[in-house]
PDB file of all heavy atoms in Angstrom:
ATOM      1  N   ALA A   1      97.478  45.366 248.809  1.00  0.00           N
ATOM      2  CA  ALA A   1      97.836  45.895 250.177  1.00  0.00           C
ATOM      3  C   ALA A   1      97.807  44.706 251.117  1.00  0.00           C
ATOM      4  O   ALA A   1      98.606  44.517 252.063  1.00  0.00           O
ATOM      5  CB  ALA A   1      96.861  46.879 250.706  1.00  0.00           C
ATOM      6  N   VAL A   2      96.902  43.632 250.947  1.00  0.00           N
ATOM      7  CA  VAL A   2      96.769  42.536 251.845  1.00  0.00           C
ATOM      8  C   VAL A   2      98.140  41.686 251.759  1.00  0.00           C
ATOM      9  O   VAL A   2      98.666  41.293 252.810  1.00  0.00           O
ATOM     10  CB  VAL A   2      95.631  41.660 251.397  1.00  0.00           C
ATOM     11  CG1 VAL A   2      95.628  40.346 252.264  1.00  0.00           C
ATOM     12  CG2 VAL A   2      94.341  42.413 251.611  1.00  0.00           C
ATOM     13  N   GLU A   3      98.662  41.426 250.598  1.00  0.00           N
ATOM     14  CA  GLU A   3      99.843  40.700 250.505  1.00  0.00           C
ATOM     15  C   GLU A   3     101.013  41.464 251.038  1.00  0.00           C
ATOM     16  O   GLU A   3     101.934  40.816 251.647  1.00  0.00           O
ATOM     17  CB  GLU A   3     100.035  40.254 249.058  1.00  0.00           C
ATOM     18  CG  GLU A   3      99.019  39.273 248.438  1.00  0.00           C
ATOM     19  CD  GLU A   3      98.726  38.166 249.377  1.00  0.00           C
ATOM     20  OE1 GLU A   3      99.786  37.499 249.816  1.00  0.00           O
ATOM     21  OE2 GLU A   3      97.649  37.841 249.640  1.00  0.00           O
ATOM     22  N   LEU A   4     101.190  42.668 250.707  1.00  0.00           N
ATOM     23  CA  LEU A   4     102.353  43.604 251.203  1.00  0.00           C
ATOM     24  C   LEU A   4     102.240  43.575 252.723  1.00  0.00           C
ATOM     25  O   LEU A   4     103.392  43.607 253.332  1.00  0.00           O
ATOM     26  CB  LEU A   4     102.272  44.952 250.649  1.00  0.00           C
ATOM     27  CG  LEU A   4     102.667  45.127 249.182  1.00  0.00           C
ATOM     28  CD1 LEU A   4     102.417  46.497 248.673  1.00  0.00           C
ATOM     29  CD2 LEU A   4     104.163  44.648 248.989  1.00  0.00           C
ATOM     30  N   ALA A   5     101.131  43.637 253.347  1.00  0.00           N
ATOM     31  CA  ALA A   5     100.922  43.651 254.721  1.00  0.00           C
ATOM     32  C   ALA A   5     101.452  42.361 255.412  1.00  0.00           C
ATOM     33  O   ALA A   5     101.815  42.306 256.665  1.00  0.00           O
ATOM     34  CB  ALA A   5      99.633  43.977 255.191  1.00  0.00           C
ATOM     35  N   LYS A   6     101.569  41.253 254.708  1.00  0.00           N
ATOM     36  CA  LYS A   6     102.110  40.057 255.329  1.00  0.00           C
ATOM     37  C   LYS A   6     103.568  39.972 255.523  1.00  0.00           C
ATOM     38  O   LYS A   6     104.108  39.287 256.250  1.00  0.00           O
ATOM     39  CB  LYS A   6     101.709  38.829 254.318  1.00  0.00           C
ATOM     40  CG  LYS A   6     100.171  38.501 254.172  1.00  0.00           C
ATOM     41  CD  LYS A   6     100.083  37.341 253.252  1.00  0.00           C
ATOM     42  CE  LYS A   6      98.552  37.008 253.101  1.00  0.00           C
ATOM     43  NZ  LYS A   6      98.332  35.897 252.149  1.00  0.00           N
ATOM     44  N   VAL A   7     104.275  40.973 254.674  1.00  0.00           N
ATOM     45  CA  VAL A   7     105.681  40.793 254.612  1.00  0.00           C
ATOM     46  C   VAL A   7     106.360  41.618 255.827  1.00  0.00           C
ATOM     47  O   VAL A   7     105.725  42.640 256.269  1.00  0.00           O
ATOM     48  CB  VAL A   7     106.259  41.403 253.342  1.00  0.00           C
ATOM     49  CG1 VAL A   7     107.681  41.299 253.262  1.00  0.00           C
ATOM     50  CG2 VAL A   7     105.615  40.632 252.210  1.00  0.00           C
ATOM     51  N   SER A   8     107.389  41.120 256.396  1.00  0.00           N
ATOM     52  CA  SER A   8     108.104  41.797 257.380  1.00  0.00           C
ATOM     53  C   SER A   8     108.765  42.998 256.678  1.00  0.00           C
ATOM     54  O   SER A   8     109.708  42.921 255.929  1.00  0.00           O
ATOM     55  CB  SER A   8     109.248  41.003 258.011  1.00  0.00           C
ATOM     56  OG  SER A   8     109.954  41.666 258.893  1.00  0.00           O
ATOM     57  N   LEU A   9     108.319  44.315 256.958  1.00  0.00           N
ATOM     58  CA  LEU A   9     108.517  45.352 256.070  1.00  0.00           C
ATOM     59  C   LEU A   9     109.683  46.347 256.469  1.00  0.00           C
ATOM     60  O   LEU A   9     110.056  47.276 255.808  1.00  0.00           O
ATOM     61  CB  LEU A   9     107.264  46.248 255.891  1.00  0.00           C
ATOM     62  CG  LEU A   9     106.219  45.500 254.992  1.00  0.00           C
ATOM     63  CD1 LEU A   9     104.868  46.316 255.077  1.00  0.00           C
ATOM     64  CD2 LEU A   9     106.643  45.334 253.627  1.00  0.00           C
ATOM     65  N   ALA A  10     110.346  46.029 257.576  1.00  0.00           N
ATOM     66  CA  ALA A  10     111.422  47.001 258.040  1.00  0.00           C
ATOM     67  C   ALA A  10     112.566  46.971 257.129  1.00  0.00           C
ATOM     68  O   ALA A  10     113.197  45.922 256.893  1.00  0.00           O
ATOM     69  CB  ALA A  10     111.774  46.626 259.424  1.00  0.00           C
ATOM     70  N   HIS A  11     112.868  48.025 256.465  1.00  0.00           N
ATOM     71  CA  HIS A  11     114.020  48.362 255.630  1.00  0.00           C
ATOM     72  C   HIS A  11     113.962  47.374 254.384  1.00  0.00           C
ATOM     73  O   HIS A  11     115.078  46.909 253.945  1.00  0.00           O
ATOM     74  CB  HIS A  11     115.364  48.103 256.440  1.00  0.00           C
ATOM     75  CG  HIS A  11     115.507  49.082 257.510  1.00  0.00           C
ATOM     76  ND1 HIS A  11     115.251  48.738 258.827  1.00  0.00           N
ATOM     77  CD2 HIS A  11     115.965  50.350 257.553  1.00  0.00           C
ATOM     78  CE1 HIS A  11     115.340  49.834 259.581  1.00  0.00           C
ATOM     79  NE2 HIS A  11     115.872  50.748 258.866  1.00  0.00           N
ATOM     80  N   HIS A  12     112.824  47.047 253.964  1.00  0.00           N
ATOM     81  CA  HIS A  12     112.694  46.173 252.837  1.00  0.00           C
ATOM     82  C   HIS A  12     112.319  46.980 251.627  1.00  0.00           C
ATOM     83  O   HIS A  12     111.892  48.154 251.767  1.00  0.00           O
ATOM     84  CB  HIS A  12     111.696  45.058 252.989  1.00  0.00           C
ATOM     85  CG  HIS A  12     112.163  44.044 254.062  1.00  0.00           C
ATOM     86  ND1 HIS A  12     111.458  43.015 254.618  1.00  0.00           N
ATOM     87  CD2 HIS A  12     113.280  44.038 254.892  1.00  0.00           C
ATOM     88  CE1 HIS A  12     112.014  42.389 255.542  1.00  0.00           C
ATOM     89  NE2 HIS A  12     113.191  42.993 255.729  1.00  0.00           N
ATOM     90  N   CYS A  13     112.303  46.429 250.395  1.00  0.00           N
ATOM     91  CA  CYS A  13     111.952  47.204 249.199  1.00  0.00           C
ATOM     92  C   CYS A  13     111.147  46.386 248.324  1.00  0.00           C
ATOM     93  O   CYS A  13     111.285  45.133 248.265  1.00  0.00           O
ATOM     94  CB  CYS A  13     113.200  47.798 248.551  1.00  0.00           C
ATOM     95  SG  CYS A  13     114.227  46.630 247.756  1.00  0.00           S
ATOM     96  N   VAL A  14     110.306  47.036 247.500  1.00  0.00           N
ATOM     97  CA  VAL A  14     109.394  46.458 246.485  1.00  0.00           C
ATOM     98  C   VAL A  14     109.746  47.251 245.219  1.00  0.00           C
ATOM     99  O   VAL A  14     109.619  48.406 245.111  1.00  0.00           O
ATOM    100  CB  VAL A  14     107.977  46.561 246.875  1.00  0.00           C
ATOM    101  CG1 VAL A  14     107.222  45.972 245.702  1.00  0.00           C
ATOM    102  CG2 VAL A  14     107.684  45.924 248.218  1.00  0.00           C
ATOM    103  N   ALA A  15     110.189  46.497 244.242  1.00  0.00           N
ATOM    104  CA  ALA A  15     110.373  47.114 242.884  1.00  0.00           C
ATOM    105  C   ALA A  15     109.195  46.857 241.988  1.00  0.00           C
ATOM    106  O   ALA A  15     109.049  45.621 241.571  1.00  0.00           O
ATOM    107  CB  ALA A  15     111.674  46.579 242.285  1.00  0.00           C
ATOM    108  N   VAL A  16     108.410  47.755 241.752  1.00  0.00           N
ATOM    109  CA  VAL A  16     107.254  47.499 240.986  1.00  0.00           C
ATOM    110  C   VAL A  16     107.249  48.259 239.627  1.00  0.00           C
ATOM    111  O   VAL A  16     106.207  48.161 238.833  1.00  0.00           O
ATOM    112  CB  VAL A  16     105.914  47.993 241.755  1.00  0.00           C
ATOM    113  CG1 VAL A  16     105.697  47.069 242.865  1.00  0.00           C
ATOM    114  CG2 VAL A  16     106.004  49.494 242.085  1.00  0.00           C
ATOM    115  N   ALA A  17     108.313  48.894 239.296  1.00  0.00           N
ATOM    116  CA  ALA A  17     108.448  49.598 238.073  1.00  0.00           C
ATOM    117  C   ALA A  17     109.936  49.667 237.745  1.00  0.00           C
ATOM    118  O   ALA A  17     110.609  48.872 238.196  1.00  0.00           O
ATOM    119  CB  ALA A  17     107.929  50.943 238.109  1.00  0.00           C
ATOM    120  N   ASP A  18     110.394  50.654 237.048  1.00  0.00           N
ATOM    121  CA  ASP A  18     111.837  50.779 236.776  1.00  0.00           C
ATOM    122  C   ASP A  18     112.575  51.504 237.852  1.00  0.00           C
ATOM    123  O   ASP A  18     113.714  51.911 237.777  1.00  0.00           O
ATOM    124  CB  ASP A  18     111.971  51.565 235.503  1.00  0.00           C
ATOM    125  CG  ASP A  18     111.637  50.608 234.254  1.00  0.00           C
ATOM    126  OD1 ASP A  18     111.780  49.379 234.432  1.00  0.00           O
ATOM    127  OD2 ASP A  18     111.168  51.092 233.261  1.00  0.00           O
ATOM    128  N   TRP A  19     111.843  51.840 238.996  1.00  0.00           N
ATOM    129  CA  TRP A  19     112.530  52.417 240.109  1.00  0.00           C
ATOM    130  C   TRP A  19     112.166  51.606 241.328  1.00  0.00           C
ATOM    131  O   TRP A  19     111.414  50.674 241.278  1.00  0.00           O
ATOM    132  CB  TRP A  19     111.943  53.839 240.280  1.00  0.00           C
ATOM    133  CG  TRP A  19     110.531  54.019 240.631  1.00  0.00           C
ATOM    134  CD1 TRP A  19     109.988  53.900 241.886  1.00  0.00           C
ATOM    135  CD2 TRP A  19     109.360  53.945 239.767  1.00  0.00           C
ATOM    136  NE1 TRP A  19     108.577  53.979 241.781  1.00  0.00           N
ATOM    137  CE2 TRP A  19     108.223  53.975 240.523  1.00  0.00           C
ATOM    138  CE3 TRP A  19     109.218  54.043 238.413  1.00  0.00           C
ATOM    139  CZ2 TRP A  19     106.915  53.971 239.951  1.00  0.00           C
ATOM    140  CZ3 TRP A  19     108.040  54.055 237.788  1.00  0.00           C
ATOM    141  CH2 TRP A  19     106.882  54.032 238.575  1.00  0.00           C
ATOM    142  N   LEU A  20     112.816  51.836 242.370  1.00  0.00           N
ATOM    143  CA  LEU A  20     112.544  51.155 243.671  1.00  0.00           C
ATOM    144  C   LEU A  20     111.750  51.894 244.600  1.00  0.00           C
ATOM    145  O   LEU A  20     111.886  53.090 244.851  1.00  0.00           O
ATOM    146  CB  LEU A  20     113.885  50.772 244.359  1.00  0.00           C
ATOM    147  CG  LEU A  20     114.680  49.759 243.724  1.00  0.00           C
ATOM    148  CD1 LEU A  20     116.046  49.642 244.559  1.00  0.00           C
ATOM    149  CD2 LEU A  20     114.048  48.360 243.568  1.00  0.00           C
ATOM    150  N   VAL A  21     110.680  51.252 245.171  1.00  0.00           N
ATOM    151  CA  VAL A  21     109.840  51.895 246.126  1.00  0.00           C
ATOM    152  C   VAL A  21     110.268  51.222 247.546  1.00  0.00           C
ATOM    153  O   VAL A  21     110.002  50.144 247.712  1.00  0.00           O
ATOM    154  CB  VAL A  21     108.314  51.616 245.809  1.00  0.00           C
ATOM    155  CG1 VAL A  21     107.536  52.250 247.023  1.00  0.00           C
ATOM    156  CG2 VAL A  21     107.965  52.142 244.517  1.00  0.00           C
ATOM    157  N   PHE A  22     110.979  51.993 248.302  1.00  0.00           N
ATOM    158  CA  PHE A  22     111.395  51.469 249.571  1.00  0.00           C
ATOM    159  C   PHE A  22     110.323  51.493 250.502  1.00  0.00           C
ATOM    160  O   PHE A  22     109.703  52.592 250.761  1.00  0.00           O
ATOM    161  CB  PHE A  22     112.634  52.234 250.160  1.00  0.00           C
ATOM    162  CG  PHE A  22     113.869  51.933 249.301  1.00  0.00           C
ATOM    163  CD1 PHE A  22     114.201  52.666 248.150  1.00  0.00           C
ATOM    164  CD2 PHE A  22     114.707  50.874 249.815  1.00  0.00           C
ATOM    165  CE1 PHE A  22     115.249  52.327 247.540  1.00  0.00           C
ATOM    166  CE2 PHE A  22     115.841  50.628 249.048  1.00  0.00           C
ATOM    167  CZ  PHE A  22     116.190  51.337 247.973  1.00  0.00           C
ATOM    168  N   VAL A  23     110.011  50.393 251.150  1.00  0.00           N
ATOM    169  CA  VAL A  23     108.797  50.239 251.991  1.00  0.00           C
ATOM    170  C   VAL A  23     109.170  50.225 253.421  1.00  0.00           C
ATOM    171  O   VAL A  23     109.812  49.324 253.963  1.00  0.00           O
ATOM    172  CB  VAL A  23     108.161  48.819 251.552  1.00  0.00           C
ATOM    173  CG1 VAL A  23     106.769  48.683 252.435  1.00  0.00           C
ATOM    174  CG2 VAL A  23     107.773  48.859 250.139  1.00  0.00           C
ATOM    175  N   GLN A  24     108.693  51.219 254.167  1.00  0.00           N
ATOM    176  CA  GLN A  24     108.763  51.248 255.597  1.00  0.00           C
ATOM    177  C   GLN A  24     107.440  51.938 256.078  1.00  0.00           C
ATOM    178  O   GLN A  24     107.320  53.026 256.396  1.00  0.00           O
ATOM    179  CB  GLN A  24     109.989  52.192 255.995  1.00  0.00           C
ATOM    180  CG  GLN A  24     111.119  51.434 256.539  1.00  0.00           C
ATOM    181  CD  GLN A  24     112.205  52.383 257.054  1.00  0.00           C
ATOM    182  OE1 GLN A  24     112.538  53.355 256.373  1.00  0.00           O
ATOM    183  NE2 GLN A  24     112.669  52.172 258.228  1.00  0.00           N
ATOM    184  N   VAL A  25     106.472  51.045 256.001  1.00  0.00           N
ATOM    185  CA  VAL A  25     105.046  51.669 256.175  1.00  0.00           C
ATOM    186  C   VAL A  25     104.285  50.716 257.104  1.00  0.00           C
ATOM    187  O   VAL A  25     104.729  49.705 257.440  1.00  0.00           O
ATOM    188  CB  VAL A  25     104.350  51.680 254.833  1.00  0.00           C
ATOM    189  CG1 VAL A  25     104.937  52.531 253.811  1.00  0.00           C
ATOM    190  CG2 VAL A  25     104.224  50.217 254.210  1.00  0.00           C
ATOM    191  N   CYS A  26     103.303  51.259 257.616  1.00  0.00           N
ATOM    192  CA  CYS A  26     102.268  50.611 258.499  1.00  0.00           C
ATOM    193  C   CYS A  26     101.081  50.152 257.662  1.00  0.00           C
ATOM    194  O   CYS A  26     100.812  50.618 256.518  1.00  0.00           O
ATOM    195  CB  CYS A  26     101.908  51.545 259.611  1.00  0.00           C
ATOM    196  SG  CYS A  26     100.936  52.993 259.044  1.00  0.00           S
TER     197      CYS A  26
END
């Protein structure tokens, strides 16, 4: 969570498995 929180997250995505988790979170 610490590393993800560093990223500018608007309309970005993180692929951590064989699917995409679209990240628009606080």
